[in-house]
Protein backbone atom coordinates (compact mmCIF):
# COMPACT_ATOMS: atom_id res chain seq x y z
CA MET A 1 -109.86 113.99 -7.34
CA PHE A 2 -107.27 116.23 -5.65
CA LYS A 3 -107.37 114.43 -2.27
CA SER A 4 -104.54 113.82 0.18
CA THR A 5 -101.56 115.87 1.31
CA THR A 6 -98.34 115.07 -0.57
CA SER A 7 -95.89 113.07 1.50
CA ILE A 8 -92.16 113.67 1.69
CA ALA A 9 -91.58 110.45 -0.18
CA ALA A 10 -93.93 111.48 -2.95
CA LEU A 11 -92.19 114.82 -3.22
CA ALA A 12 -88.88 113.08 -3.64
CA VAL A 13 -90.28 110.87 -6.39
CA GLY A 14 -91.88 113.93 -7.97
CA ALA A 15 -88.57 115.77 -7.88
CA PHE A 16 -86.83 112.89 -9.62
CA ALA A 17 -89.56 112.71 -12.25
CA LEU A 18 -89.34 116.44 -12.77
CA THR A 19 -85.66 116.37 -13.65
CA ALA A 20 -85.67 113.00 -15.37
CA ALA A 21 -88.58 113.92 -17.63
CA SER A 22 -86.50 116.51 -19.45
CA GLY A 23 -83.17 114.70 -19.19
CA ALA A 24 -81.76 117.64 -17.24
CA ALA A 25 -79.22 117.22 -14.47
CA VAL A 26 -80.84 119.92 -12.35
CA ALA A 27 -84.33 121.32 -12.08
CA ARG A 28 -85.37 124.48 -13.89
CA ASP A 29 -84.52 127.52 -11.73
CA GLN A 30 -87.12 129.90 -13.21
CA ILE A 31 -90.82 129.69 -12.38
CA LYS A 32 -93.05 129.30 -15.44
CA ILE A 33 -96.54 130.82 -15.37
CA VAL A 34 -99.29 130.86 -18.02
CA GLY A 35 -102.99 131.69 -18.15
CA SER A 36 -105.58 134.45 -18.11
CA SER A 37 -104.88 137.80 -19.76
CA THR A 38 -106.92 139.40 -16.95
CA VAL A 39 -104.81 137.84 -14.21
CA PHE A 40 -101.61 138.50 -16.19
CA PRO A 41 -100.98 142.10 -14.98
CA TYR A 42 -101.41 141.06 -11.35
CA THR A 43 -99.05 138.11 -11.73
CA GLN A 44 -96.58 140.29 -13.63
CA ALA A 45 -96.65 142.83 -10.78
CA VAL A 46 -95.89 140.08 -8.24
CA ALA A 47 -93.11 138.75 -10.48
CA GLU A 48 -91.51 142.19 -10.61
CA GLU A 49 -91.74 142.64 -6.84
CA PHE A 50 -90.34 139.14 -6.32
CA ALA A 51 -87.38 139.97 -8.57
CA ASN A 52 -86.84 143.31 -6.78
CA LYS A 53 -86.48 141.37 -3.53
CA GLY A 54 -83.76 139.16 -4.97
CA GLY A 55 -85.68 136.28 -6.53
CA THR A 56 -85.32 135.07 -10.09
CA ALA A 57 -88.05 136.74 -12.15
CA PRO A 58 -90.62 134.16 -13.33
CA THR A 59 -91.62 133.97 -16.97
CA VAL A 60 -95.27 135.02 -17.29
CA GLU A 61 -97.17 134.28 -20.50
CA SER A 62 -100.69 135.44 -21.37
CA THR A 63 -102.33 132.41 -23.01
CA GLY A 64 -105.93 132.89 -21.93
CA THR A 65 -107.60 130.87 -19.20
CA GLY A 66 -108.57 127.90 -21.38
CA GLY A 67 -105.21 127.80 -23.14
CA GLY A 68 -103.38 128.01 -19.83
CA MET A 69 -105.37 125.13 -18.36
CA LYS A 70 -104.55 122.90 -21.35
CA ILE A 71 -100.82 123.57 -20.99
CA PHE A 72 -100.85 123.38 -17.19
CA CYS A 73 -102.68 120.05 -17.18
CA LYS A 74 -100.46 118.37 -19.77
CA GLY A 75 -98.17 116.86 -17.17
CA ILE A 76 -95.56 117.03 -14.42
CA GLY A 77 -92.03 118.07 -15.32
CA GLU A 78 -89.84 120.96 -16.39
CA ALA A 79 -91.53 121.16 -19.77
CA TYR A 80 -94.83 122.16 -18.15
CA PRO A 81 -95.91 125.32 -16.30
CA ASP A 82 -95.86 125.56 -12.53
CA ILE A 83 -98.78 127.98 -12.13
CA THR A 84 -101.69 129.10 -14.29
CA GLY A 85 -103.92 132.15 -13.84
CA ALA A 86 -107.66 131.95 -14.47
CA SER A 87 -110.57 134.36 -14.73
CA ARG A 88 -112.98 131.58 -13.80
CA ALA A 89 -112.82 128.41 -11.72
CA MET A 90 -111.23 125.30 -13.19
CA LYS A 91 -113.81 123.21 -15.06
CA LYS A 92 -114.43 119.55 -14.29
CA SER A 93 -113.18 118.64 -17.77
CA GLU A 94 -109.92 120.43 -16.96
CA GLN A 95 -109.63 118.65 -13.62
CA ASP A 96 -110.13 115.38 -15.50
CA LEU A 97 -107.39 116.31 -17.98
CA CYS A 98 -105.02 117.11 -15.11
CA MET A 99 -105.76 113.76 -13.45
CA LYS A 100 -105.30 111.88 -16.72
CA ASN A 101 -101.82 113.39 -17.08
CA GLY A 102 -100.73 112.87 -13.47
CA VAL A 103 -101.34 116.43 -12.28
CA ASN A 104 -103.28 115.25 -9.23
CA ASP A 105 -102.09 117.67 -6.56
CA VAL A 106 -103.29 121.20 -7.31
CA THR A 107 -104.02 124.16 -5.04
CA GLU A 108 -106.68 126.67 -6.07
CA VAL A 109 -106.06 130.25 -4.91
CA LEU A 110 -108.82 132.86 -5.09
CA ILE A 111 -106.92 136.13 -5.40
CA GLY A 112 -109.80 138.63 -5.51
CA TYR A 113 -112.56 139.95 -7.75
CA ASP A 114 -112.73 141.74 -11.06
CA GLY A 115 -115.46 143.48 -13.01
CA LEU A 116 -116.01 142.63 -16.66
CA SER A 117 -115.89 146.11 -18.09
CA LEU A 118 -117.36 147.48 -21.27
CA ALA A 119 -115.59 150.67 -22.27
CA ASN A 120 -115.09 153.10 -25.10
CA SER A 121 -112.76 155.96 -25.89
CA ARG A 122 -113.02 159.15 -23.85
CA LYS A 123 -113.51 160.82 -27.23
CA GLY A 124 -116.72 158.80 -27.71
CA LYS A 125 -120.21 159.19 -26.27
CA LYS A 126 -121.06 158.23 -22.70
CA ILE A 127 -123.32 155.19 -22.87
CA ASP A 128 -125.55 153.34 -20.42
CA LEU A 129 -126.73 149.83 -21.38
CA THR A 130 -128.79 147.09 -19.77
CA LYS A 131 -127.78 143.43 -19.88
CA VAL A 132 -130.68 142.80 -22.27
CA GLN A 133 -129.37 145.45 -24.69
CA ILE A 134 -125.86 144.01 -24.53
CA TYR A 135 -127.27 140.55 -25.25
CA GLN A 136 -129.31 141.93 -28.17
CA ALA A 137 -126.23 143.60 -29.59
CA LEU A 138 -123.76 140.72 -29.33
CA ALA A 139 -125.54 137.35 -29.18
CA ALA A 140 -125.61 135.17 -32.33
CA LYS A 141 -129.34 134.51 -31.94
CA VAL A 142 -131.93 136.82 -30.39
CA PRO A 143 -135.73 136.76 -30.08
CA VAL A 144 -137.65 138.90 -32.57
CA ASP A 145 -141.46 138.82 -32.73
CA GLY A 146 -141.55 135.75 -30.51
CA LYS A 147 -139.05 133.73 -32.56
CA LEU A 148 -135.34 133.09 -32.05
CA VAL A 149 -133.52 134.29 -35.17
CA ASP A 150 -130.03 135.21 -36.38
CA ASN A 151 -129.16 138.59 -34.89
CA PRO A 152 -130.56 141.30 -37.22
CA TYR A 153 -129.33 144.35 -35.31
CA LYS A 154 -126.69 146.45 -37.09
CA LYS A 155 -126.90 149.72 -35.11
CA TRP A 156 -127.39 150.43 -31.41
CA SER A 157 -130.44 152.48 -32.37
CA ASP A 158 -131.96 149.35 -33.97
CA ILE A 159 -132.21 147.94 -30.46
CA ASP A 160 -133.44 151.11 -28.77
CA SER A 161 -134.02 154.50 -30.38
CA SER A 162 -132.49 156.21 -27.34
CA LEU A 163 -129.11 154.58 -28.07
CA PRO A 164 -126.57 156.07 -30.51
CA ASP A 165 -127.31 155.79 -34.23
CA ASP A 166 -123.92 154.11 -34.69
CA ALA A 167 -122.93 150.70 -36.02
CA ILE A 168 -122.43 148.07 -33.31
CA VAL A 169 -118.69 147.43 -33.07
CA ALA A 170 -117.33 145.54 -30.06
CA TYR A 171 -113.86 144.07 -29.60
CA GLY A 172 -113.58 141.15 -27.23
CA PRO A 173 -111.73 137.99 -26.25
CA PRO A 174 -111.67 134.63 -28.09
CA PRO A 175 -113.40 131.42 -26.92
CA THR A 176 -110.27 130.27 -25.04
CA SER A 177 -110.54 133.24 -22.69
CA GLY A 178 -112.02 133.05 -19.21
CA THR A 179 -113.20 136.61 -19.77
CA ARG A 180 -115.30 135.37 -22.71
CA ASP A 181 -116.71 132.51 -20.61
CA ALA A 182 -117.58 134.86 -17.76
CA PHE A 183 -119.13 137.44 -20.10
CA VAL A 184 -121.41 134.86 -21.69
CA GLU A 185 -122.43 133.48 -18.32
CA LEU A 186 -122.98 136.83 -16.58
CA VAL A 187 -124.75 138.55 -19.47
CA PHE A 188 -126.20 136.06 -21.97
CA HIS A 189 -127.10 133.28 -19.54
CA TYR A 190 -128.45 135.80 -17.06
CA VAL A 191 -130.78 137.30 -19.66
CA CYS A 192 -131.89 133.89 -20.92
CA GLY A 193 -132.11 132.05 -17.63
CA LYS A 194 -132.74 134.65 -14.93
CA GLY A 195 -133.69 137.87 -16.68
CA LYS A 196 -137.18 139.13 -17.45
CA MET A 197 -136.97 139.25 -21.24
CA ASP A 198 -140.44 138.15 -22.45
CA PHE A 199 -139.24 135.45 -24.86
CA TRP A 200 -137.04 133.71 -22.29
CA ALA A 201 -139.53 134.28 -19.47
CA ASN A 202 -142.10 132.38 -21.53
CA MET A 203 -139.55 129.64 -22.21
CA LYS A 204 -139.02 129.22 -18.48
CA LYS A 205 -142.78 128.87 -17.98
CA THR A 206 -143.36 126.34 -20.75
CA ALA A 207 -140.16 124.24 -20.83
CA ASP A 208 -139.02 121.75 -18.20
CA LYS A 209 -135.68 122.36 -16.50
CA LYS A 210 -133.75 120.02 -18.80
CA ALA A 211 -135.20 121.60 -21.94
CA MET A 212 -134.53 125.09 -20.61
CA LYS A 213 -130.93 124.19 -19.78
CA THR A 214 -130.47 122.82 -23.30
CA ALA A 215 -132.01 125.95 -24.83
CA VAL A 216 -129.68 128.23 -22.88
CA LYS A 217 -126.62 126.13 -23.77
CA ASN A 218 -127.48 125.78 -27.47
CA ASP A 219 -129.14 129.10 -28.26
CA CYS A 220 -127.87 131.56 -25.68
CA THR A 221 -124.12 131.02 -25.62
CA SER A 222 -122.63 132.00 -28.98
CA MET A 223 -121.28 135.46 -29.77
CA ARG A 224 -122.31 136.71 -33.18
CA THR A 225 -119.88 136.10 -36.06
CA ASP A 226 -121.39 138.37 -38.71
CA GLY A 227 -119.18 141.40 -38.05
CA PRO A 228 -120.30 143.54 -35.09
CA PHE A 229 -118.34 141.42 -32.59
CA ILE A 230 -114.64 141.20 -33.38
CA GLU A 231 -112.30 138.75 -31.66
CA ALA A 232 -109.19 140.64 -30.63
CA GLY A 233 -107.10 137.78 -29.24
CA GLU A 234 -105.74 137.51 -25.72
CA ASN A 235 -103.95 140.86 -25.80
CA ASP A 236 -106.21 143.33 -23.97
CA ASN A 237 -103.76 146.14 -24.70
CA LEU A 238 -104.60 145.68 -28.39
CA ILE A 239 -108.28 146.28 -27.61
CA VAL A 240 -107.35 149.50 -25.81
CA GLN A 241 -105.41 150.68 -28.88
CA ARG A 242 -108.35 149.93 -31.17
CA LEU A 243 -110.80 151.81 -28.96
CA VAL A 244 -108.56 154.85 -28.92
CA ALA A 245 -108.43 154.70 -32.72
CA ASP A 246 -112.21 154.28 -33.09
CA PRO A 247 -114.30 156.35 -30.61
CA LYS A 248 -117.51 154.61 -31.74
CA ALA A 249 -116.26 151.12 -30.83
CA MET A 250 -116.54 149.31 -27.50
CA GLY A 251 -114.28 146.78 -25.84
CA ILE A 252 -114.79 143.94 -23.37
CA PHE A 253 -112.07 143.20 -20.82
CA GLY A 254 -111.30 143.00 -17.12
CA TYR A 255 -111.70 146.07 -14.92
CA SER A 256 -107.95 146.25 -14.33
CA PHE A 257 -107.37 147.29 -17.96
CA LEU A 258 -109.97 150.03 -17.71
CA PHE A 259 -108.47 151.08 -14.37
CA GLU A 260 -104.98 151.28 -15.90
CA ASN A 261 -106.18 153.21 -18.97
CA GLN A 262 -108.59 155.73 -17.43
CA ASP A 263 -106.76 158.54 -19.19
CA GLN A 264 -107.89 157.09 -22.55
CA LEU A 265 -111.03 155.09 -21.81
CA GLN A 266 -114.37 155.60 -20.09
CA PRO A 267 -116.68 152.88 -18.73
CA VAL A 268 -120.01 151.91 -20.22
CA ALA A 269 -122.49 151.93 -17.33
CA ILE A 270 -124.64 148.84 -16.77
CA SER A 271 -128.16 149.88 -15.68
CA ASN A 272 -126.80 153.21 -14.39
CA VAL A 273 -123.97 151.58 -12.40
CA GLN A 274 -120.35 152.12 -13.41
CA PRO A 275 -117.60 149.64 -12.51
CA SER A 276 -115.44 150.67 -9.55
CA MET A 277 -113.72 149.03 -6.59
CA GLU A 278 -116.82 149.74 -4.51
CA THR A 279 -119.51 148.60 -6.96
CA ILE A 280 -117.64 145.40 -7.85
CA GLY A 281 -116.93 144.68 -4.19
CA ASP A 282 -120.52 145.16 -3.01
CA GLY A 283 -122.07 143.38 -6.01
CA SER A 284 -124.07 146.36 -7.29
CA TYR A 285 -122.14 146.29 -10.58
CA GLY A 286 -123.81 143.48 -12.50
CA ILE A 287 -120.93 141.75 -14.29
CA SER A 288 -118.14 140.82 -11.90
CA ARG A 289 -116.28 137.55 -11.36
CA PRO A 290 -113.63 135.91 -9.14
CA LEU A 291 -110.01 135.55 -10.25
CA TYR A 292 -107.75 132.61 -9.45
CA PHE A 293 -104.37 131.04 -9.86
CA TYR A 294 -103.63 127.32 -9.68
CA ILE A 295 -100.45 125.80 -8.26
CA LYS A 296 -98.87 122.50 -9.33
CA ASN A 297 -97.75 121.28 -5.91
CA ALA A 298 -95.42 118.57 -7.24
CA HIS A 299 -93.20 121.41 -8.53
CA ARG A 300 -93.05 123.42 -5.29
CA LYS A 301 -90.02 121.71 -3.75
CA VAL A 302 -88.21 121.31 -7.06
CA ILE A 303 -88.51 124.63 -8.89
CA LYS A 304 -86.29 127.17 -7.19
CA GLY A 305 -88.09 130.00 -5.39
CA MET A 306 -91.61 128.71 -6.02
CA ASP A 307 -92.73 128.67 -2.39
CA ASP A 308 -91.26 132.14 -1.86
CA PHE A 309 -93.05 133.46 -4.94
CA ILE A 310 -96.39 132.05 -3.76
CA THR A 311 -95.83 133.59 -0.32
CA GLU A 312 -95.20 136.97 -1.99
CA TYR A 313 -98.32 136.63 -4.15
CA VAL A 314 -100.65 136.04 -1.18
CA SER A 315 -98.89 138.47 1.15
CA ASP A 316 -100.66 141.36 2.88
CA GLY A 317 -98.53 143.75 0.85
CA ALA A 318 -99.74 142.25 -2.45
CA MET A 319 -103.28 140.88 -2.08
CA GLY A 320 -104.29 142.65 1.13
CA PRO A 321 -106.22 145.91 1.54
CA GLY A 322 -104.09 148.73 0.19
CA GLY A 323 -101.64 146.24 -1.34
CA TYR A 324 -99.95 146.85 -4.64
CA LEU A 325 -102.43 144.61 -6.51
CA SER A 326 -105.38 146.72 -5.35
CA GLU A 327 -103.49 149.72 -6.73
CA ARG A 328 -103.70 147.97 -10.11
CA GLY A 329 -107.45 147.40 -9.93
CA LEU A 330 -107.89 144.14 -8.01
CA VAL A 331 -110.91 144.11 -5.68
CA VAL A 332 -109.50 142.47 -2.55
CA LEU A 333 -111.08 139.64 -0.58
CA PRO A 334 -112.91 140.17 2.73
CA ASP A 335 -110.52 139.73 5.66
CA GLU A 336 -111.64 136.26 6.79
CA GLN A 337 -111.65 134.89 3.25
CA PHE A 338 -108.25 136.47 2.60
CA LYS A 339 -106.71 134.76 5.64
CA SER A 340 -108.06 131.33 4.65
CA THR A 341 -106.78 131.87 1.09
CA GLN A 342 -103.32 132.76 2.41
CA GLU A 343 -103.22 129.59 4.51
CA ALA A 344 -104.38 127.35 1.66
CA ALA A 345 -101.76 128.78 -0.71
CA ARG A 346 -98.88 128.57 1.74
CA LYS A 347 -99.68 125.03 2.90
CA GLY A 348 -100.54 123.70 -0.55
CA LYS A 349 -104.10 122.65 0.26
CA LYS A 350 -105.40 120.32 -2.42
CA MET A 351 -108.53 120.93 -4.43
CA GLU A 352 -111.31 118.45 -3.89
CA ALA A 353 -113.07 116.74 -6.78
CA GLY A 354 -115.54 119.04 -8.52
CA SER A 355 -114.66 122.06 -6.37
């Protein structure tokens, strides 16, 4: 899919197409970036540092991972973004959309790792949950008495008497968000496919692999829509505000937002493990995921400052140990992986099909 290195001739043609597509005499001189709300604060930090060093500050828009991919893959030209952030890897369907629209030279950059944090107000109770309890609280369908039914649980204490006797209220991202995708995969799919919950354990024993995969996809993917789970859009800052206003509510977002709001929020522990740089980095915190950004290589030699911006993003001072992104909550890559990521970003290494 994304196969060979772009030639000088192809770059020249791409440059012409880029300016001709919009009817402009010169190429856009401001980098345009869209994508994940989780990656947004990291990209915004790099944009600010880039501007401080004399570059033109890029425009950075939080559209969600899925929304960013749709815009990014629409085509080549000034009307389309140059970079998109993502809190999951690009899906095959998104690669196909890119290819269909001529976006066939893309570099994937793994920037680091992030924990999917559950949190509540510091004015609320300290809570420790298991993945099974989170699934029981927020999934649209859950097993009760050996049958899969619409979620009946209204209070945390309905799930376990040791939990607070409070209504389940959780603010989280919409379906277009990579955070939502990752949450469902790391919590719901884990419980249904890998966990030891009796109902799903019996399913694994009695169903063949295809039937089990279908059951997980159809019955273990949807967030409940009857009130306890509330979609709060792509603005994680709005979730923070709502948690501060309601100490009994919880929120779902990337660790960076918890990290940046520790004065107002406290983490919900997962099986006695709280999210931190260390627990996310060593894998002991159970819901963590990689973060990415994707580069449209046909734009690199046309949009002013794009190569310099990418170099700043993957620099030791930004993504490296002790860099300014780690100060904002990013869990940095191991040294060898970091070096290979730097090289891929700087040289514009193309993604392979299905990678």
